[in-house]
Amino acid sequence: MVEFDINLFAEKLKFVRECYDVSQHEVADILHIDRSTYSYYEIGKTQPNLSVLYTISQLFAVSLDDLINPNIKVSLRLFKNIEEIDFSKYYKMRTSHLKEFNE
């Protein structure tokens, strides 16, 4: 059984967000949480519940395993086409999708 390492998760989460060049505030808005709550995820002070964790993985197009398994390193290989991603369009689409999902 793989043990959850909150500090490693926090590092991976920050890395993935920075790869998309978006702010904590933007991600928090999409997740419908306070920016400070999201910030706590990135510093390892707290961890998201399963629903938020799943939404984060969908938002950044990474698997849950990539985020929480300490034996998997998240690297730029996962983002080979990141230059082609227009996050502003994705942000609008995802926000719309999440509103439907949360209703």
Foldseek 3Di string as FASTA:
>chain_A
DADWDQQQLLCQLVVLCVLLPDDLCLLCVLLVHDSVVSVCSNRSVDHDDPVSLVLSCVLSVHDSCCRTGPVHDDDCVSVPPSVVDDVVVSSVVSSVVVVVVVD
